[in-house]
Amino acid sequence: MITSPAFSGKRYAILGLARSGMAAAEALLASGAHVTAWDRQEEPREALAGRAEIADPLTIDLTGYDGIVVSPGVPLNTHPIADRAAEFGVPVIGDIELFAQARADLPPHRVIGITGTNGKSTTTALTAHILEQAGLPCRMGGNIGLPVLGEDPLEPNAKGTGVYVLELSSYQLDLTRSLACEAAVLLNVTPDHLDRYNGFEGYALSKGRLMAMQGSGQFAAYGCQDDTTRTMREAEAARRPRGLAVCLEPHQLADLQADWPALQGPHNLQNAAAAITLAEVMGVTRAQWEPAMKSFTGLPHRMEVVCTHDDVLFINDSKATNTASAAPALAAWPAGDGPRIHWIVGGLAKEDGLGECEAQLGNVARAYTIGEAGPRFAELLEGRVPVERSELICEAVKQAVEAAKPGDVVLLSPACASFDQFRDFEKRGEHFRQIVGAITGCELPAGNEPSLSSASLSSASLSSGGGNK
C-alpha cells in the first residue's frame, strides 16, 4: 500500500468504509496516524476494531483533527458532515487528496488525471493500456480499478519512471485540494449530477479543478467540442506557456480508427485522441501506441460487443446513464441505406427530453422503451421513430430480435440511471448480456468487470444520495 511519514501522528476521521475508505484507513494506520472510522455497516467497523477508534464523526469532538476523509458518494451540499467539519475548521477530503499529500515520499513518478462528463473510464483504461504496452510502470486507479492507496508504489524501470493514471469524477475532485498532475485532460462537460451542484456552472467549476490544481508548467488537454471546455482551455492557455494547454484534434486520427475494433464511433475517436496525447506527453512514440490501439479490448458496458447473431450486432452500452453519453452510441452506426439501430432506452431519468440523442434519431430503426422513464421516452419518440413500450429489458431484446434485419444493431444505451430496476449500470448491462445469450443462443465471452473502487458507493453514501457516475 501507499504510506507516508507526512501522516504520522496526525488525526483523521473516515466516513464510509467501502473499498476506497478502507484503503485510506489502512494506509493512514500504517503511516502512524490516529484514525477514527465509521460506517453504518457493522462488518467494516469490526475489521478495524482495536486498531482504530470506532465512532461516527457526526457525534464526536473533532477538535485537533487534520481531515475528514469521506466517500465521493456523500453529497457535500446536503450531508451534515460538511457543516460539522466547518464547525471545527477541519478539511473534508478524499483518498485522492491523501495520495496527493503522499506523493513527495514516493519513488520518482508522474501522474495523469482524466476527467469529463463522459468517456473517462475508456480514456483511462486506454491510456494505461498504451503505457503498459510501451513498457512503462503503470497503475490505474481513482474512479476505476483498485483504490490508489491500496496499491504498491511504482518503481522506475529501464523504460522510465512510473505513471499513475487516475480517472477522477467531479465528486472526487470536490474532495481534492493539491493534486498537481503532470498531464491532465478534460474531455467534455455536459449537464450531469446537477442535484449535487449550484447549477451547471458549479458542476463545470468542479471539473475544472483538475487543471486549476496544476502548475503553469504542466500539460493540459481539452476536448474543445463543447463551449465549456473551449472556454476553460482559453483561460488556461493564458496562464501557461504555449503548447501546454491544447485542444484535442481527433480528426487527425480518423483514418486509423477502422483498425481499432473496440473504439468505434465519434466519441471513441475523441477518447483515443486524449489517450494518445497523454501517452505521448509521457514519452510514448507512435511506433509504440499504434499497435496498442489495435490490441485494446475496451471496457464492459461501454460500447461492449456482446455477440453477432444472424448478422445482427448486439451492443451493451449500459454505462450511458444520460442522453449526452447515449448520443455518441447512436451516432456510431450511421443510417446509410436506412436506419439500422434498435435502441433500448429508459430507466431512471436524469433529465427531461432527448438532449443530444435527438440529432441521431435518423439512425434509429425502432426504439424499445423500458423502466420508469419508458413512458416519457415513448411520448417523445412516437411519430418520429417506431416505438415499442417494452417496459423490461427481456421483452425489449425479444422484440428487437424479431424485428432486426441482417446488418442491424441491437443497442442497449439507456440514457438513464439504472436505479429503478437495477443496483447499478453494471448489473443492468450484465442482465442484458444474459438475456441476449438466452434468446439468441450466442456463446458469450466471459464477463470482464473492472473493480470500480471509488465509483462504488460505500454503505454510508448509499444513504446519502449517491448515483451513477
Protein backbone atom coordinates (compact mmCIF):
# COMPACT_ATOMS: atom_id res chain seq x y z
CA MET A 1 0.00 0.00 0.00
CA ILE A 2 1.00 3.67 -0.26
CA THR A 3 2.10 5.17 3.04
CA SER A 4 3.77 8.43 4.04
CA PRO A 5 5.51 9.87 7.11
CA ALA A 6 3.50 13.02 6.38
CA PHE A 7 0.54 11.33 8.11
CA SER A 8 2.42 10.15 11.18
CA GLY A 9 0.97 11.46 14.45
CA LYS A 10 -1.96 13.19 12.71
CA ARG A 11 -5.65 12.57 13.37
CA TYR A 12 -8.17 11.64 10.69
CA ALA A 13 -11.83 10.68 10.70
CA ILE A 14 -13.13 8.43 7.94
CA LEU A 15 -16.81 8.32 6.96
CA GLY A 16 -17.64 5.30 4.80
CA LEU A 17 -15.59 2.09 4.75
CA ALA A 18 -16.13 0.71 1.27
CA ARG A 19 -13.03 -0.08 -0.75
CA SER A 20 -11.56 3.41 -1.04
CA GLY A 21 -12.45 4.28 2.57
CA MET A 22 -10.97 1.07 3.93
CA ALA A 23 -7.83 1.54 1.82
CA ALA A 24 -7.48 5.06 3.25
CA ALA A 25 -7.88 3.74 6.78
CA GLU A 26 -5.25 1.04 6.29
CA ALA A 27 -2.80 3.47 4.65
CA LEU A 28 -3.20 6.04 7.43
CA LEU A 29 -2.82 3.45 10.18
CA ALA A 30 0.29 2.02 8.51
CA SER A 31 1.65 5.57 8.32
CA GLY A 32 1.29 6.08 12.06
CA ALA A 33 -1.87 8.23 12.04
CA HIS A 34 -4.66 8.09 14.62
CA VAL A 35 -7.84 7.06 12.80
CA THR A 36 -11.47 7.37 13.81
CA ALA A 37 -13.60 5.33 11.40
CA TRP A 38 -17.31 4.86 10.83
CA ASP A 39 -19.65 3.01 8.52
CA ARG A 40 -23.31 2.21 9.03
CA GLN A 41 -22.50 -1.47 8.43
CA GLU A 42 -21.04 -3.45 11.31
CA GLU A 43 -18.69 -5.69 9.31
CA PRO A 44 -16.23 -2.99 8.12
CA ARG A 45 -16.25 -1.44 11.58
CA GLU A 46 -15.27 -4.81 13.07
CA ALA A 47 -12.38 -5.09 10.58
CA LEU A 48 -10.79 -2.00 12.16
CA ALA A 49 -11.77 -2.64 15.78
CA GLY A 50 -8.77 -2.47 18.10
CA ARG A 51 -6.68 -0.59 15.56
CA ALA A 52 -8.86 2.49 15.00
CA GLU A 53 -11.33 4.34 17.16
CA ILE A 54 -14.84 3.39 16.02
CA ALA A 55 -17.09 6.43 16.20
CA ASP A 56 -19.34 8.50 13.97
CA PRO A 57 -17.62 11.82 13.12
CA LEU A 58 -21.04 13.49 13.27
CA THR A 59 -21.20 12.81 17.01
CA ILE A 60 -17.65 13.33 18.32
CA ASP A 61 -15.47 16.33 19.15
CA LEU A 62 -13.35 16.96 16.04
CA THR A 63 -11.01 19.46 17.67
CA GLY A 64 -7.44 18.79 16.52
CA TYR A 65 -8.36 16.55 13.58
CA ASP A 66 -6.34 17.07 10.40
CA GLY A 67 -9.00 15.87 7.99
CA ILE A 68 -12.29 14.05 7.48
CA VAL A 69 -11.99 11.50 4.68
CA VAL A 70 -15.37 10.86 3.06
CA SER A 71 -16.65 8.70 0.25
CA PRO A 72 -17.19 10.51 -3.07
CA GLY A 73 -20.79 9.34 -2.86
CA VAL A 74 -21.51 11.58 0.13
CA PRO A 75 -23.31 14.71 -1.20
CA LEU A 76 -21.44 17.58 0.41
CA ASN A 77 -24.20 20.04 -0.49
CA THR A 78 -26.75 18.26 1.71
CA HIS A 79 -24.95 15.89 4.08
CA PRO A 80 -24.47 17.19 7.66
CA ILE A 81 -20.79 16.21 7.66
CA ALA A 82 -19.95 19.39 5.71
CA ASP A 83 -21.39 21.68 8.40
CA ARG A 84 -19.90 19.54 11.16
CA ALA A 85 -16.44 19.81 9.64
CA ALA A 86 -16.81 23.58 9.15
CA GLU A 87 -17.80 23.96 12.79
CA PHE A 88 -14.41 22.57 13.85
CA GLY A 89 -12.41 24.00 10.95
CA VAL A 90 -11.47 20.53 9.64
CA PRO A 91 -10.99 19.99 5.90
CA VAL A 92 -13.21 17.43 4.16
CA ILE A 93 -11.04 15.39 1.80
CA GLY A 94 -10.96 12.11 -0.11
CA ASP A 95 -8.48 9.34 -0.73
CA ILE A 96 -7.13 11.12 -3.83
CA GLU A 97 -6.08 14.08 -1.66
CA LEU A 98 -4.27 11.69 0.69
CA PHE A 99 -2.46 10.27 -2.34
CA ALA A 100 -1.53 13.80 -3.43
CA GLN A 101 -0.10 14.52 0.02
CA ALA A 102 1.87 11.25 -0.01
CA ARG A 103 3.49 11.87 -3.41
CA ALA A 104 6.59 13.60 -2.01
CA ASP A 105 7.58 10.37 -0.26
CA LEU A 106 7.00 8.04 -3.23
CA PRO A 107 9.68 6.91 -5.70
CA PRO A 108 10.03 9.20 -8.74
CA HIS A 109 6.79 9.05 -10.72
CA ARG A 110 4.28 11.03 -12.77
CA VAL A 111 0.51 11.35 -12.54
CA ILE A 112 -2.06 11.60 -15.33
CA GLY A 113 -5.53 12.89 -14.39
CA ILE A 114 -8.56 12.28 -16.59
CA THR A 115 -12.00 13.82 -16.12
CA GLY A 116 -15.08 14.81 -18.10
CA THR A 117 -18.77 14.02 -18.03
CA ASN A 118 -18.42 11.13 -20.47
CA GLY A 119 -15.59 8.95 -21.72
CA LYS A 120 -13.43 8.99 -18.57
CA SER A 121 -13.28 5.25 -18.00
CA THR A 122 -12.47 4.29 -21.58
CA THR A 123 -9.82 7.00 -21.86
CA THR A 124 -8.25 5.97 -18.56
CA ALA A 125 -8.15 2.29 -19.43
CA LEU A 126 -6.83 3.02 -22.92
CA THR A 127 -4.11 5.35 -21.61
CA ALA A 128 -2.97 2.73 -19.10
CA HIS A 129 -3.01 0.07 -21.82
CA ILE A 130 -0.80 2.16 -24.11
CA LEU A 131 1.69 2.89 -21.32
CA GLU A 132 1.84 -0.76 -20.29
CA GLN A 133 2.36 -1.88 -23.89
CA ALA A 134 5.20 0.65 -24.11
CA GLY A 135 6.81 -0.96 -21.07
CA LEU A 136 6.33 1.89 -18.60
CA PRO A 137 5.43 1.04 -14.99
CA CYS A 138 1.77 1.95 -14.64
CA ARG A 139 -1.10 1.92 -12.14
CA MET A 140 -4.71 2.68 -12.97
CA GLY A 141 -6.96 3.98 -10.21
CA GLY A 142 -9.24 6.69 -8.91
CA ASN A 143 -12.78 6.11 -10.16
CA ILE A 144 -11.74 2.82 -11.79
CA GLY A 145 -9.60 -0.09 -10.74
CA LEU A 146 -8.32 -0.62 -7.21
CA PRO A 147 -8.12 2.22 -4.66
CA VAL A 148 -4.87 4.02 -5.34
CA LEU A 149 -3.79 3.98 -1.68
CA GLY A 150 -4.12 0.21 -1.64
CA GLU A 151 -1.62 -0.21 -4.49
CA ASP A 152 2.10 -0.76 -4.01
CA PRO A 153 4.16 2.29 -5.00
CA LEU A 154 5.52 2.27 -8.54
CA GLU A 155 9.23 1.83 -9.03
CA PRO A 156 11.06 3.19 -12.11
CA ASN A 157 12.32 0.68 -14.67
CA ALA A 158 14.62 0.83 -17.67
CA LYS A 159 11.82 2.36 -19.76
CA GLY A 160 11.23 5.31 -17.41
CA THR A 161 9.52 6.49 -14.25
CA GLY A 162 6.17 5.07 -13.24
CA VAL A 163 2.85 6.67 -14.16
CA TYR A 164 -0.32 6.68 -12.06
CA VAL A 165 -3.32 7.06 -14.39
CA LEU A 166 -6.30 8.35 -12.43
CA GLU A 167 -9.91 8.64 -13.56
CA LEU A 168 -11.40 11.47 -11.50
CA SER A 169 -15.10 12.18 -11.10
CA SER A 170 -16.38 15.59 -10.09
CA TYR A 171 -17.18 14.12 -6.67
CA GLN A 172 -13.55 13.10 -6.18
CA LEU A 173 -12.28 16.46 -7.40
CA ASP A 174 -14.52 18.19 -4.85
CA LEU A 175 -12.55 16.33 -2.17
CA THR A 176 -9.11 17.04 -3.63
CA ARG A 177 -7.02 20.15 -2.98
CA SER A 178 -3.41 19.57 -4.01
CA LEU A 179 -3.17 17.02 -6.83
CA ALA A 180 -0.91 18.64 -9.43
CA CYS A 181 -0.91 16.17 -12.34
CA GLU A 182 1.98 16.22 -14.77
CA ALA A 183 -0.62 15.76 -17.51
CA ALA A 184 -4.40 16.08 -17.44
CA VAL A 185 -7.34 16.02 -19.80
CA LEU A 186 -10.88 17.39 -19.56
CA LEU A 187 -12.83 15.53 -22.23
CA ASN A 188 -16.19 17.30 -22.12
CA VAL A 189 -18.65 18.99 -19.77
CA THR A 190 -22.37 18.47 -20.23
CA PRO A 191 -25.16 18.73 -17.62
CA ASP A 192 -24.98 15.89 -15.08
CA HIS A 193 -25.23 15.42 -11.30
CA LEU A 194 -26.90 18.82 -11.00
CA ASP A 195 -28.54 17.71 -7.75
CA ARG A 196 -25.06 18.00 -6.21
CA TYR A 197 -24.19 21.46 -7.50
CA ASN A 198 -25.44 25.01 -7.68
CA GLY A 199 -26.44 24.68 -11.32
CA PHE A 200 -24.36 23.73 -14.35
CA GLU A 201 -21.74 26.39 -13.62
CA GLY A 202 -20.97 24.81 -10.26
CA TYR A 203 -20.61 21.38 -11.87
CA ALA A 204 -18.31 22.78 -14.57
CA LEU A 205 -16.15 24.50 -11.95
CA SER A 206 -15.80 21.18 -10.17
CA LYS A 207 -14.48 19.55 -13.34
CA GLY A 208 -12.13 22.47 -13.91
CA ARG A 209 -10.49 21.89 -10.52
CA LEU A 210 -8.29 19.23 -12.13
CA MET A 211 -6.50 21.87 -14.20
CA ALA A 212 -6.70 24.59 -11.54
CA MET A 213 -4.56 22.41 -9.25
CA GLN A 214 -1.83 22.08 -11.88
CA GLY A 215 1.21 24.29 -12.10
CA SER A 216 1.59 26.55 -15.10
CA GLY A 217 4.34 24.33 -16.47
CA GLN A 218 2.24 21.18 -16.55
CA PHE A 219 0.33 19.85 -19.54
CA ALA A 220 -3.44 20.11 -20.01
CA ALA A 221 -5.64 18.99 -22.90
CA TYR A 222 -9.30 19.80 -23.52
CA GLY A 223 -11.93 18.18 -25.71
CA CYS A 224 -12.97 21.59 -27.11
CA GLN A 225 -16.08 20.08 -28.72
CA ASP A 226 -18.35 21.93 -26.30
CA ASP A 227 -18.43 25.59 -25.33
CA THR A 228 -17.44 24.94 -21.73
CA THR A 229 -14.19 23.10 -22.41
CA ARG A 230 -13.26 25.59 -25.13
CA THR A 231 -13.70 28.47 -22.68
CA MET A 232 -11.72 26.67 -19.99
CA ARG A 233 -8.92 25.95 -22.41
CA GLU A 234 -8.67 29.59 -23.42
CA ALA A 235 -8.37 30.63 -19.77
CA GLU A 236 -5.65 28.07 -19.04
CA ALA A 237 -3.74 28.90 -22.23
CA ALA A 238 -3.43 32.45 -20.93
CA ARG A 239 -1.55 31.33 -17.82
CA ARG A 240 0.65 28.61 -19.35
CA PRO A 241 3.49 28.62 -21.87
CA ARG A 242 2.46 27.94 -25.45
CA GLY A 243 1.66 24.30 -26.12
CA LEU A 244 0.79 23.36 -22.53
CA ALA A 245 -2.98 23.96 -22.77
CA VAL A 246 -4.22 22.44 -26.02
CA CYS A 247 -7.37 21.27 -27.76
CA LEU A 248 -7.53 17.62 -28.74
CA GLU A 249 -7.57 17.03 -32.50
CA PRO A 250 -9.33 13.70 -33.05
CA HIS A 251 -9.86 14.35 -36.76
CA GLN A 252 -6.15 13.75 -37.30
CA LEU A 253 -6.66 10.12 -36.26
CA ALA A 254 -9.84 9.41 -38.23
CA ASP A 255 -8.10 7.39 -40.94
CA LEU A 256 -6.75 4.98 -38.31
CA GLN A 257 -9.97 4.32 -36.41
CA ALA A 258 -11.11 1.44 -38.59
CA ASP A 259 -8.19 -0.57 -37.17
CA TRP A 260 -9.40 -0.13 -33.57
CA PRO A 261 -12.31 -2.61 -33.15
CA ALA A 262 -13.11 -1.57 -29.56
CA LEU A 263 -13.05 2.16 -30.31
CA GLN A 264 -15.74 2.86 -32.86
CA GLY A 265 -17.90 5.98 -33.03
CA PRO A 266 -17.03 9.69 -32.87
CA HIS A 267 -16.90 9.74 -29.06
CA ASN A 268 -14.30 6.99 -29.04
CA LEU A 269 -12.24 8.91 -31.58
CA GLN A 270 -12.01 11.71 -29.02
CA ASN A 271 -11.20 9.22 -26.26
CA ALA A 272 -8.44 7.80 -28.45
CA ALA A 273 -7.05 11.26 -29.20
CA ALA A 274 -6.92 12.00 -25.47
CA ALA A 275 -5.17 8.75 -24.59
CA ILE A 276 -2.61 9.08 -27.38
CA THR A 277 -1.92 12.72 -26.47
CA LEU A 278 -1.37 11.85 -22.81
CA ALA A 279 0.82 8.88 -23.67
CA GLU A 280 2.97 10.99 -25.98
CA VAL A 281 3.48 13.52 -23.17
CA MET A 282 4.85 10.57 -21.15
CA GLY A 283 7.32 9.85 -23.97
CA VAL A 284 5.46 7.11 -25.87
CA THR A 285 6.11 7.13 -29.62
CA ARG A 286 3.73 6.42 -32.48
CA ALA A 287 5.56 3.15 -33.14
CA GLN A 288 4.56 2.14 -29.60
CA TRP A 289 0.98 3.41 -29.41
CA GLU A 290 -0.17 2.28 -32.84
CA PRO A 291 -0.13 -1.47 -32.09
CA ALA A 292 -1.51 -0.82 -28.60
CA MET A 293 -4.58 0.84 -30.09
CA LYS A 294 -5.32 -2.24 -32.16
CA SER A 295 -5.00 -4.60 -29.19
CA PHE A 296 -7.22 -2.62 -26.80
CA THR A 297 -10.31 -4.67 -25.98
CA GLY A 298 -12.43 -1.97 -24.33
CA LEU A 299 -14.40 -1.97 -21.09
CA PRO A 300 -17.55 -3.82 -20.11
CA HIS A 301 -20.81 -1.89 -20.52
CA ARG A 302 -19.18 0.81 -22.66
CA MET A 303 -19.99 0.03 -26.28
CA GLU A 304 -19.24 -3.59 -25.43
CA VAL A 305 -19.74 -6.06 -28.27
CA VAL A 306 -21.88 -8.84 -26.80
CA CYS A 307 -22.18 -11.03 -29.89
CA THR A 308 -23.33 -11.22 -33.50
CA HIS A 309 -26.33 -13.42 -34.31
CA ASP A 310 -27.80 -13.83 -37.80
CA ASP A 311 -25.65 -10.86 -38.84
CA VAL A 312 -27.24 -8.66 -36.15
CA LEU A 313 -24.79 -6.98 -33.78
CA PHE A 314 -25.68 -6.73 -30.07
CA ILE A 315 -24.04 -3.86 -28.13
CA ASN A 316 -24.09 -3.31 -24.36
CA ASP A 317 -23.68 0.39 -23.60
CA SER A 318 -25.31 0.30 -20.15
CA LYS A 319 -22.80 2.89 -18.90
CA ALA A 320 -24.66 5.52 -20.93
CA THR A 321 -26.59 6.97 -17.99
CA ASN A 322 -27.51 10.31 -19.63
CA THR A 323 -28.51 11.49 -23.08
CA ALA A 324 -25.11 13.03 -23.79
CA SER A 325 -23.41 9.67 -23.35
CA ALA A 326 -26.05 7.74 -25.30
CA ALA A 327 -25.93 10.09 -28.32
CA PRO A 328 -22.43 9.00 -29.47
CA ALA A 329 -23.54 5.38 -29.48
CA LEU A 330 -26.47 6.29 -31.72
CA ALA A 331 -24.02 8.10 -33.99
CA ALA A 332 -21.65 5.12 -34.26
CA TRP A 333 -23.83 3.34 -36.84
CA PRO A 334 -24.99 5.92 -39.41
CA ALA A 335 -28.13 5.14 -41.34
CA GLY A 336 -26.54 4.60 -44.76
CA ASP A 337 -29.23 2.88 -46.85
CA GLY A 338 -31.64 3.07 -43.90
CA PRO A 339 -31.70 3.26 -40.13
CA ARG A 340 -30.00 0.27 -38.52
CA ILE A 341 -30.22 0.74 -34.74
CA HIS A 342 -32.78 -0.95 -32.49
CA TRP A 343 -32.45 1.31 -29.47
CA ILE A 344 -33.30 0.09 -25.95
CA VAL A 345 -33.77 3.26 -23.89
CA GLY A 346 -35.07 4.16 -20.44
CA GLY A 347 -34.52 3.70 -16.72
CA LEU A 348 -34.37 6.38 -14.05
CA ALA A 349 -34.17 9.67 -15.95
CA LYS A 350 -31.59 12.31 -15.00
CA GLU A 351 -33.16 14.93 -17.27
CA ASP A 352 -36.27 15.55 -19.33
CA GLY A 353 -36.09 15.34 -23.10
CA LEU A 354 -33.90 13.62 -25.65
CA GLY A 355 -30.96 16.01 -25.38
CA GLU A 356 -28.17 15.24 -27.82
CA CYS A 357 -29.87 11.98 -28.84
CA GLU A 358 -32.42 13.97 -30.82
CA ALA A 359 -29.89 14.73 -33.56
CA GLN A 360 -29.24 10.99 -34.06
CA LEU A 361 -32.81 9.73 -34.44
CA GLY A 362 -32.30 9.25 -38.18
CA ASN A 363 -30.10 6.26 -37.31
CA VAL A 364 -32.83 4.57 -35.21
CA ALA A 365 -34.89 1.87 -36.91
CA ARG A 366 -37.03 1.25 -33.82
CA ALA A 367 -36.98 2.23 -30.13
CA TYR A 368 -37.86 -0.04 -27.22
CA THR A 369 -38.67 1.90 -24.04
CA ILE A 370 -38.04 0.43 -20.60
CA GLY A 371 -38.16 1.34 -16.94
CA GLU A 372 -39.61 4.27 -15.05
CA ALA A 373 -38.78 6.74 -17.83
CA GLY A 374 -40.08 4.43 -20.55
CA PRO A 375 -43.49 6.11 -20.97
CA ARG A 376 -41.87 9.55 -21.22
CA PHE A 377 -39.39 8.38 -23.86
CA ALA A 378 -42.25 6.77 -25.77
CA GLU A 379 -44.10 10.11 -25.78
CA LEU A 380 -41.01 11.91 -27.06
CA LEU A 381 -40.25 9.35 -29.77
CA GLU A 382 -43.65 8.31 -31.12
CA GLY A 383 -44.33 9.83 -34.54
CA ARG A 384 -40.58 10.19 -35.14
CA VAL A 385 -39.43 6.57 -34.97
CA PRO A 386 -41.38 3.32 -34.47
CA VAL A 387 -41.71 2.64 -30.73
CA GLU A 388 -42.36 -0.46 -28.63
CA ARG A 389 -43.34 0.13 -24.99
CA SER A 390 -41.36 -2.84 -23.72
CA GLU A 391 -41.05 -1.96 -20.00
CA LEU A 392 -38.47 -4.72 -19.34
CA ILE A 393 -35.12 -5.43 -20.98
CA CYS A 394 -36.06 -9.05 -21.59
CA GLU A 395 -39.12 -8.01 -23.58
CA ALA A 396 -37.16 -5.33 -25.43
CA VAL A 397 -34.49 -7.80 -26.54
CA LYS A 398 -37.11 -10.32 -27.64
CA GLN A 399 -38.94 -7.70 -29.72
CA ALA A 400 -35.67 -6.36 -31.19
CA VAL A 401 -34.51 -9.84 -32.23
CA GLU A 402 -37.80 -10.39 -34.02
CA ALA A 403 -37.65 -7.03 -35.83
CA ALA A 404 -33.94 -6.72 -36.67
CA LYS A 405 -32.66 -7.48 -40.16
CA PRO A 406 -29.15 -8.58 -41.14
CA GLY A 407 -26.80 -5.65 -40.76
CA ASP A 408 -28.82 -4.08 -37.94
CA VAL A 409 -27.62 -3.29 -34.42
CA VAL A 410 -29.47 -4.00 -31.16
CA LEU A 411 -28.18 -1.34 -28.80
CA LEU A 412 -28.73 -1.01 -25.05
CA SER A 413 -27.79 2.63 -24.46
CA PRO A 414 -30.40 3.67 -21.90
CA ALA A 415 -29.62 7.41 -21.46
CA CYS A 416 -30.77 6.92 -17.84
CA ALA A 417 -29.52 5.76 -14.47
CA SER A 418 -30.32 2.17 -13.52
CA PHE A 419 -31.71 2.51 -10.02
CA ASP A 420 -35.36 2.00 -10.92
CA GLN A 421 -34.76 -1.68 -11.74
CA PHE A 422 -31.09 -2.47 -11.03
CA ARG A 423 -28.47 -1.84 -8.35
CA ASP A 424 -26.12 -0.19 -10.84
CA PHE A 425 -25.35 0.06 -14.54
CA GLU A 426 -23.08 -3.00 -14.32
CA LYS A 427 -25.96 -5.20 -13.15
CA ARG A 428 -28.16 -3.77 -15.89
CA GLY A 429 -25.56 -4.49 -18.55
CA GLU A 430 -24.92 -7.99 -17.30
CA HIS A 431 -28.67 -8.67 -17.35
CA PHE A 432 -28.77 -7.53 -20.97
CA ARG A 433 -25.86 -9.82 -21.88
CA GLN A 434 -27.57 -12.79 -20.25
CA ILE A 435 -30.88 -12.09 -21.98
CA VAL A 436 -29.16 -11.77 -25.36
CA GLY A 437 -27.39 -15.07 -24.78
CA ALA A 438 -30.58 -16.83 -23.74
CA ILE A 439 -32.68 -15.54 -26.65
CA THR A 440 -30.11 -15.82 -29.44
CA GLY A 441 -28.12 -18.81 -28.23
CA CYS A 442 -24.92 -16.81 -28.66
CA GLU A 443 -21.91 -18.12 -26.78
CA LEU A 444 -20.96 -15.06 -24.76
CA PRO A 445 -17.42 -14.14 -23.78
CA ALA A 446 -16.76 -14.23 -20.05
CA GLY A 447 -17.66 -11.02 -18.24
CA ASN A 448 -14.73 -8.74 -17.50
CA GLU A 449 -15.92 -6.45 -14.76
CA PRO A 450 -13.40 -3.84 -13.62
CA SER A 451 -13.27 -3.03 -9.94
CA LEU A 452 -14.76 0.44 -9.67
CA SER A 453 -13.42 1.34 -6.25
CA SER A 454 -14.37 4.95 -5.68
CA ALA A 455 -17.34 4.75 -8.00
CA SER A 456 -18.79 2.01 -5.83
CA LEU A 457 -20.81 3.72 -3.17
CA SER A 458 -19.96 2.98 0.44
CA SER A 459 -22.70 1.92 2.79
CA ALA A 460 -22.54 5.42 4.21
CA SER A 461 -23.04 7.05 0.83
CA LEU A 462 -25.88 4.77 -0.17
CA SER A 463 -27.96 6.50 2.44
CA SER A 464 -26.81 9.89 1.21
CA GLY A 465 -27.97 10.03 -2.39
CA GLY A 466 -25.02 8.67 -4.40
CA GLY A 467 -25.57 7.92 -8.07
CA ASN A 468 -24.19 6.52 -11.27
CA LYS A 469 -21.03 8.33 -12.25
